[in-house]
């Protein structure tokens, strides 16, 4: 009798363990999808060029044109094709900074550094 109850209890515990790990995996996917949804909402529509890396390692560059409850629409930079992307498909969202902006920033930092060096040696006084 005790052996029968022990066996049933062991089977129940194994089944419980199997289903609980499935629920935890779903929770992780749901959290990742919510995180992607918040990120897209912060970026908003229009202005910024972004690169979306999907879970299948596909990369799409474009602009967000529409934000929906379970997905968003990305219009490609090169071909202007609209792609509906589910938040569950997204692995990473990255904002692409234009090269001209990077160059301007580097030049500005260089000019500031030159000014500090020149004034630090006392050459910018009267």
N, C-alpha and C. Protein backbone atom coordinates (compact mmCIF):
# COMPACT_ATOMS: atom_id res chain seq x y z
N UNK A 1 0.82 -1.20 0.00
CA UNK A 1 0.00 0.00 0.00
C UNK A 1 0.87 1.26 0.00
N UNK A 2 1.90 1.29 0.86
CA UNK A 2 2.79 2.43 0.94
C UNK A 2 3.57 2.59 -0.37
N UNK A 3 3.93 1.48 -0.97
CA UNK A 3 4.65 1.52 -2.24
C UNK A 3 3.78 2.13 -3.34
N UNK A 4 2.51 1.81 -3.33
CA UNK A 4 1.58 2.33 -4.34
C UNK A 4 1.44 3.86 -4.20
N UNK A 5 1.27 4.35 -2.97
CA UNK A 5 1.16 5.79 -2.74
C UNK A 5 2.46 6.52 -3.07
N UNK A 6 3.58 5.90 -2.73
CA UNK A 6 4.88 6.51 -3.04
C UNK A 6 5.08 6.63 -4.54
N UNK A 7 4.67 5.60 -5.27
CA UNK A 7 4.80 5.62 -6.73
C UNK A 7 3.91 6.70 -7.33
N UNK A 8 2.67 6.79 -6.87
CA UNK A 8 1.75 7.82 -7.37
C UNK A 8 2.27 9.22 -7.06
N UNK A 9 2.82 9.39 -5.86
CA UNK A 9 3.35 10.69 -5.47
C UNK A 9 4.55 11.07 -6.34
N UNK A 10 5.42 10.12 -6.61
CA UNK A 10 6.58 10.35 -7.45
C UNK A 10 6.16 10.72 -8.87
N UNK A 11 5.19 10.04 -9.42
CA UNK A 11 4.67 10.35 -10.76
C UNK A 11 4.08 11.75 -10.78
N UNK A 12 3.33 12.09 -9.75
CA UNK A 12 2.75 13.44 -9.66
C UNK A 12 3.82 14.52 -9.59
N UNK A 13 4.87 14.29 -8.84
CA UNK A 13 5.96 15.26 -8.74
C UNK A 13 6.69 15.42 -10.08
N UNK A 14 6.89 14.34 -10.78
CA UNK A 14 7.55 14.42 -12.09
C UNK A 14 6.70 15.20 -13.08
N UNK A 15 5.42 14.95 -13.10
CA UNK A 15 4.51 15.69 -14.00
C UNK A 15 4.49 17.17 -13.63
N UNK A 16 4.44 17.47 -12.35
CA UNK A 16 4.46 18.85 -11.88
C UNK A 16 5.75 19.55 -12.30
N UNK A 17 6.87 18.89 -12.17
CA UNK A 17 8.15 19.46 -12.56
C UNK A 17 8.20 19.75 -14.06
N UNK A 18 7.67 18.82 -14.85
CA UNK A 18 7.68 19.00 -16.31
C UNK A 18 6.85 20.21 -16.72
N UNK A 19 5.68 20.39 -16.16
CA UNK A 19 4.83 21.51 -16.54
C UNK A 19 5.29 22.83 -15.96
N UNK A 20 5.91 22.82 -14.79
CA UNK A 20 6.36 24.08 -14.20
C UNK A 20 7.51 24.68 -14.99
N UNK A 21 8.41 23.87 -15.55
CA UNK A 21 9.48 24.41 -16.37
C UNK A 21 8.94 25.01 -17.66
N UNK A 22 7.87 24.45 -18.19
CA UNK A 22 7.22 25.00 -19.38
C UNK A 22 6.62 26.37 -19.08
N UNK A 23 6.03 26.52 -17.94
CA UNK A 23 5.44 27.80 -17.54
C UNK A 23 6.53 28.85 -17.35
N UNK A 24 7.66 28.49 -16.76
CA UNK A 24 8.76 29.43 -16.57
C UNK A 24 9.31 29.90 -17.92
N UNK A 25 9.40 29.02 -18.89
CA UNK A 25 9.88 29.39 -20.23
C UNK A 25 8.92 30.39 -20.87
N UNK A 26 7.63 30.18 -20.70
CA UNK A 26 6.65 31.11 -21.25
C UNK A 26 6.77 32.47 -20.57
N UNK A 27 7.00 32.48 -19.28
CA UNK A 27 7.15 33.74 -18.56
C UNK A 27 8.36 34.53 -19.07
N UNK A 28 9.46 33.85 -19.35
CA UNK A 28 10.65 34.52 -19.86
C UNK A 28 10.38 35.13 -21.24
N UNK A 29 9.67 34.40 -22.09
CA UNK A 29 9.32 34.93 -23.42
C UNK A 29 8.38 36.12 -23.29
N UNK A 30 7.43 36.04 -22.37
CA UNK A 30 6.49 37.14 -22.17
C UNK A 30 7.20 38.38 -21.67
N UNK A 31 8.14 38.21 -20.76
CA UNK A 31 8.91 39.36 -20.24
C UNK A 31 9.75 39.99 -21.34
N UNK A 32 10.37 39.17 -22.18
CA UNK A 32 11.17 39.69 -23.29
C UNK A 32 10.29 40.46 -24.27
N UNK A 33 9.11 39.94 -24.55
CA UNK A 33 8.19 40.62 -25.46
C UNK A 33 7.73 41.95 -24.87
N UNK A 34 7.46 41.99 -23.58
CA UNK A 34 7.06 43.24 -22.93
C UNK A 34 8.20 44.26 -22.95
N UNK A 35 9.42 43.78 -22.74
CA UNK A 35 10.58 44.67 -22.78
C UNK A 35 10.73 45.27 -24.18
N UNK A 36 10.55 44.46 -25.21
CA UNK A 36 10.62 44.95 -26.59
C UNK A 36 9.50 45.95 -26.87
N UNK A 37 8.33 45.69 -26.34
CA UNK A 37 7.19 46.58 -26.54
C UNK A 37 7.46 47.96 -25.92
N UNK A 38 8.03 47.97 -24.72
CA UNK A 38 8.36 49.23 -24.05
C UNK A 38 9.44 49.98 -24.83
N UNK A 39 10.44 49.25 -25.32
CA UNK A 39 11.53 49.87 -26.10
C UNK A 39 10.99 50.53 -27.36
N UNK A 40 10.11 49.83 -28.07
CA UNK A 40 9.52 50.38 -29.30
C UNK A 40 8.67 51.61 -28.97
N UNK A 41 7.92 51.54 -27.87
CA UNK A 41 7.09 52.69 -27.48
C UNK A 41 7.96 53.91 -27.16
N UNK A 42 9.11 53.69 -26.52
CA UNK A 42 10.02 54.81 -26.22
C UNK A 42 10.60 55.42 -27.48
N UNK A 43 10.93 54.58 -28.45
CA UNK A 43 11.49 55.08 -29.71
C UNK A 43 10.46 55.84 -30.52
N UNK A 44 9.22 55.41 -30.46
CA UNK A 44 8.14 56.09 -31.18
C UNK A 44 8.21 55.87 -32.68
N UNK A 45 7.31 56.53 -33.38
CA UNK A 45 7.24 56.36 -34.83
C UNK A 45 8.01 57.47 -35.53
N UNK A 46 8.49 57.13 -36.72
CA UNK A 46 9.09 58.15 -37.57
C UNK A 46 10.58 58.31 -37.47
N UNK A 47 11.00 59.28 -36.75
CA UNK A 47 12.32 59.87 -36.79
C UNK A 47 13.57 59.03 -36.77
N UNK A 48 13.67 58.02 -35.96
CA UNK A 48 14.96 57.36 -35.76
C UNK A 48 15.12 56.11 -36.63
N UNK A 49 16.30 55.98 -37.18
CA UNK A 49 16.66 54.77 -37.92
C UNK A 49 17.09 53.71 -36.92
N UNK A 50 16.49 52.53 -37.01
CA UNK A 50 16.82 51.46 -36.08
C UNK A 50 17.18 50.19 -36.84
N UNK A 51 17.85 49.31 -36.13
CA UNK A 51 18.13 47.97 -36.66
C UNK A 51 17.51 46.97 -35.71
N UNK A 52 16.67 46.10 -36.24
CA UNK A 52 16.01 45.08 -35.45
C UNK A 52 16.64 43.74 -35.82
N UNK A 53 17.15 43.05 -34.79
CA UNK A 53 17.68 41.71 -35.01
C UNK A 53 16.65 40.73 -34.48
N UNK A 54 16.20 39.83 -35.36
CA UNK A 54 15.19 38.86 -34.99
C UNK A 54 15.84 37.61 -34.40
N UNK A 55 15.03 36.75 -33.80
CA UNK A 55 15.54 35.54 -33.16
C UNK A 55 16.17 34.58 -34.17
N UNK A 56 15.79 34.69 -35.44
CA UNK A 56 16.41 33.84 -36.47
C UNK A 56 17.64 34.52 -37.08
N UNK A 57 18.18 35.56 -36.39
CA UNK A 57 19.38 36.31 -36.77
C UNK A 57 19.22 37.14 -38.05
N UNK A 58 17.99 37.39 -38.47
CA UNK A 58 17.73 38.30 -39.57
C UNK A 58 17.82 39.72 -39.05
N UNK A 59 18.45 40.62 -39.83
CA UNK A 59 18.56 42.02 -39.43
C UNK A 59 17.76 42.87 -40.42
N UNK A 60 16.96 43.78 -39.87
CA UNK A 60 16.17 44.68 -40.69
C UNK A 60 16.43 46.11 -40.22
N UNK A 61 16.83 46.98 -41.16
CA UNK A 61 17.04 48.39 -40.85
C UNK A 61 15.87 49.18 -41.41
N UNK A 62 15.39 50.13 -40.61
CA UNK A 62 14.29 50.95 -41.09
C UNK A 62 13.75 51.87 -40.01
N UNK A 63 12.55 52.36 -40.29
CA UNK A 63 11.89 53.32 -39.42
C UNK A 63 10.57 52.73 -38.94
N UNK A 64 10.25 52.96 -37.67
CA UNK A 64 8.97 52.50 -37.11
C UNK A 64 7.88 53.44 -37.62
N UNK A 65 6.88 52.87 -38.27
CA UNK A 65 5.78 53.69 -38.79
C UNK A 65 4.47 53.48 -38.05
N UNK A 66 4.34 52.33 -37.40
CA UNK A 66 3.10 52.04 -36.69
C UNK A 66 3.40 51.13 -35.51
N UNK A 67 2.78 51.42 -34.37
CA UNK A 67 2.95 50.60 -33.17
C UNK A 67 1.60 50.01 -32.81
N UNK A 68 1.55 48.68 -32.76
CA UNK A 68 0.31 47.97 -32.44
C UNK A 68 0.44 47.29 -31.09
N UNK A 69 -0.63 46.65 -30.65
CA UNK A 69 -0.67 46.00 -29.34
C UNK A 69 0.31 44.82 -29.27
N UNK A 70 0.38 44.01 -30.32
CA UNK A 70 1.23 42.82 -30.29
C UNK A 70 2.35 42.84 -31.32
N UNK A 71 2.49 43.95 -32.06
CA UNK A 71 3.53 44.04 -33.09
C UNK A 71 3.77 45.50 -33.45
N UNK A 72 4.74 45.72 -34.35
CA UNK A 72 4.98 47.05 -34.88
C UNK A 72 5.37 46.92 -36.35
N UNK A 73 5.22 48.02 -37.08
CA UNK A 73 5.52 48.01 -38.51
C UNK A 73 6.82 48.78 -38.74
N UNK A 74 7.74 48.14 -39.44
CA UNK A 74 9.03 48.74 -39.76
C UNK A 74 9.13 48.88 -41.28
N UNK A 75 9.38 50.11 -41.74
CA UNK A 75 9.56 50.35 -43.17
C UNK A 75 11.06 50.36 -43.44
N UNK A 76 11.49 49.51 -44.38
CA UNK A 76 12.90 49.33 -44.68
C UNK A 76 13.56 50.61 -45.16
N UNK A 77 14.83 50.77 -44.82
CA UNK A 77 15.58 51.96 -45.21
C UNK A 77 15.86 51.97 -46.70
N UNK A 78 16.28 50.85 -47.26
CA UNK A 78 16.69 50.81 -48.66
C UNK A 78 15.52 50.61 -49.61
N UNK A 79 14.64 49.67 -49.30
CA UNK A 79 13.60 49.29 -50.25
C UNK A 79 12.20 49.78 -49.89
N UNK A 80 12.02 50.44 -48.78
CA UNK A 80 10.74 50.99 -48.33
C UNK A 80 9.63 49.94 -48.26
N UNK A 81 10.00 48.70 -47.94
CA UNK A 81 9.03 47.63 -47.78
C UNK A 81 8.58 47.60 -46.32
N UNK A 82 7.27 47.55 -46.10
CA UNK A 82 6.73 47.49 -44.75
C UNK A 82 6.78 46.05 -44.23
N UNK A 83 7.27 45.90 -43.01
CA UNK A 83 7.35 44.58 -42.39
C UNK A 83 6.67 44.65 -41.03
N UNK A 84 5.70 43.76 -40.82
CA UNK A 84 5.03 43.67 -39.53
C UNK A 84 5.83 42.72 -38.65
N UNK A 85 6.34 43.22 -37.52
CA UNK A 85 7.21 42.43 -36.66
C UNK A 85 6.54 42.24 -35.30
N UNK A 86 6.38 40.99 -34.91
CA UNK A 86 5.82 40.68 -33.59
C UNK A 86 6.89 40.91 -32.52
N UNK A 87 6.47 41.37 -31.36
CA UNK A 87 7.41 41.61 -30.27
C UNK A 87 8.11 40.31 -29.84
N UNK A 88 7.44 39.17 -30.03
CA UNK A 88 8.02 37.88 -29.66
C UNK A 88 9.17 37.48 -30.58
N UNK A 89 9.21 38.01 -31.81
CA UNK A 89 10.25 37.67 -32.77
C UNK A 89 11.56 38.42 -32.53
N UNK A 90 11.49 39.52 -31.78
CA UNK A 90 12.63 40.43 -31.66
C UNK A 90 13.65 39.90 -30.65
N UNK A 91 14.92 39.92 -31.09
CA UNK A 91 16.02 39.56 -30.21
C UNK A 91 16.70 40.82 -29.67
N UNK A 92 16.86 41.84 -30.54
CA UNK A 92 17.54 43.07 -30.14
C UNK A 92 17.06 44.23 -31.01
N UNK A 93 16.93 45.40 -30.37
CA UNK A 93 16.59 46.63 -31.09
C UNK A 93 17.69 47.63 -30.80
N UNK A 94 18.26 48.18 -31.88
CA UNK A 94 19.39 49.09 -31.73
C UNK A 94 19.16 50.34 -32.58
N UNK A 95 19.38 51.50 -31.98
CA UNK A 95 19.29 52.77 -32.71
C UNK A 95 20.58 52.97 -33.49
N UNK A 96 20.46 53.34 -34.75
CA UNK A 96 21.63 53.57 -35.60
C UNK A 96 21.90 55.07 -35.64
N UNK A 97 23.11 55.44 -35.20
CA UNK A 97 23.52 56.84 -35.19
C UNK A 97 24.12 57.16 -36.57
N UNK A 98 23.65 58.21 -37.22
CA UNK A 98 24.19 58.56 -38.54
C UNK A 98 25.69 58.86 -38.48
N UNK A 99 26.42 58.48 -39.52
CA UNK A 99 27.86 58.66 -39.58
C UNK A 99 28.25 60.14 -39.49
N UNK A 100 27.47 61.00 -40.12
CA UNK A 100 27.80 62.43 -40.10
C UNK A 100 27.74 62.98 -38.68
N UNK A 101 26.81 62.50 -37.90
CA UNK A 101 26.70 62.93 -36.51
C UNK A 101 27.92 62.45 -35.71
N UNK A 102 28.35 61.23 -35.97
CA UNK A 102 29.54 60.72 -35.28
C UNK A 102 30.78 61.53 -35.64
N UNK A 103 30.95 61.84 -36.92
CA UNK A 103 32.10 62.63 -37.37
C UNK A 103 32.06 64.02 -36.74
N UNK A 104 30.89 64.65 -36.72
CA UNK A 104 30.76 65.98 -36.12
C UNK A 104 31.11 65.93 -34.63
N UNK A 105 30.71 64.91 -33.95
CA UNK A 105 31.03 64.76 -32.53
C UNK A 105 32.51 64.60 -32.29
N UNK A 106 33.15 63.81 -33.13
CA UNK A 106 34.60 63.60 -33.00
C UNK A 106 35.36 64.89 -33.28
N UNK A 107 34.93 65.63 -34.30
CA UNK A 107 35.58 66.91 -34.62
C UNK A 107 35.40 67.89 -33.46
N UNK A 108 34.21 67.95 -32.89
CA UNK A 108 33.96 68.86 -31.77
C UNK A 108 34.83 68.51 -30.58
N UNK A 109 34.96 67.23 -30.27
CA UNK A 109 35.81 66.81 -29.16
C UNK A 109 37.26 67.17 -29.44
N UNK A 110 37.70 67.00 -30.68
CA UNK A 110 39.07 67.36 -31.06
C UNK A 110 39.34 68.84 -30.89
N UNK A 111 38.38 69.68 -31.31
CA UNK A 111 38.54 71.13 -31.17
C UNK A 111 38.59 71.54 -29.70
N UNK A 112 37.77 70.94 -28.89
CA UNK A 112 37.78 71.24 -27.45
C UNK A 112 39.12 70.82 -26.84
N UNK A 113 39.62 69.66 -27.24
CA UNK A 113 40.91 69.19 -26.72
C UNK A 113 42.04 70.15 -27.11
N UNK A 114 42.04 70.63 -28.36
CA UNK A 114 43.07 71.57 -28.80
C UNK A 114 42.96 72.87 -28.01
N UNK A 115 41.76 73.36 -27.79
CA UNK A 115 41.54 74.59 -27.02
C UNK A 115 42.06 74.43 -25.60
N UNK A 116 41.78 73.30 -24.97
CA UNK A 116 42.24 73.06 -23.60
C UNK A 116 43.76 73.00 -23.54
N UNK A 117 44.39 72.36 -24.50
CA UNK A 117 45.85 72.26 -24.52
C UNK A 117 46.47 73.63 -24.73
N UNK A 118 45.94 74.39 -25.69
CA UNK A 118 46.50 75.72 -25.98
C UNK A 118 46.32 76.64 -24.78
N UNK A 119 45.14 76.67 -24.21
CA UNK A 119 44.91 77.54 -23.06
C UNK A 119 45.64 77.04 -21.82
N UNK A 120 45.85 75.75 -21.74
CA UNK A 120 46.57 75.18 -20.60
C UNK A 120 48.04 75.58 -20.59
N UNK A 121 48.60 75.85 -21.74
CA UNK A 121 50.00 76.25 -21.82
C UNK A 121 50.15 77.77 -21.72
N UNK A 122 49.04 78.49 -21.60
CA UNK A 122 49.08 79.94 -21.41
C UNK A 122 49.15 80.75 -22.70
N UNK A 123 48.88 80.15 -23.83
CA UNK A 123 48.98 80.85 -25.10
C UNK A 123 47.70 81.59 -25.49
N UNK A 124 46.60 81.37 -24.77
CA UNK A 124 45.37 82.06 -25.15
C UNK A 124 45.12 83.30 -24.29
N UNK A 125 46.10 83.70 -23.51
CA UNK A 125 45.96 84.92 -22.74
C UNK A 125 46.27 86.11 -23.65
N UNK A 126 45.96 87.30 -23.22
CA UNK A 126 46.16 88.52 -24.01
C UNK A 126 47.41 88.47 -24.73
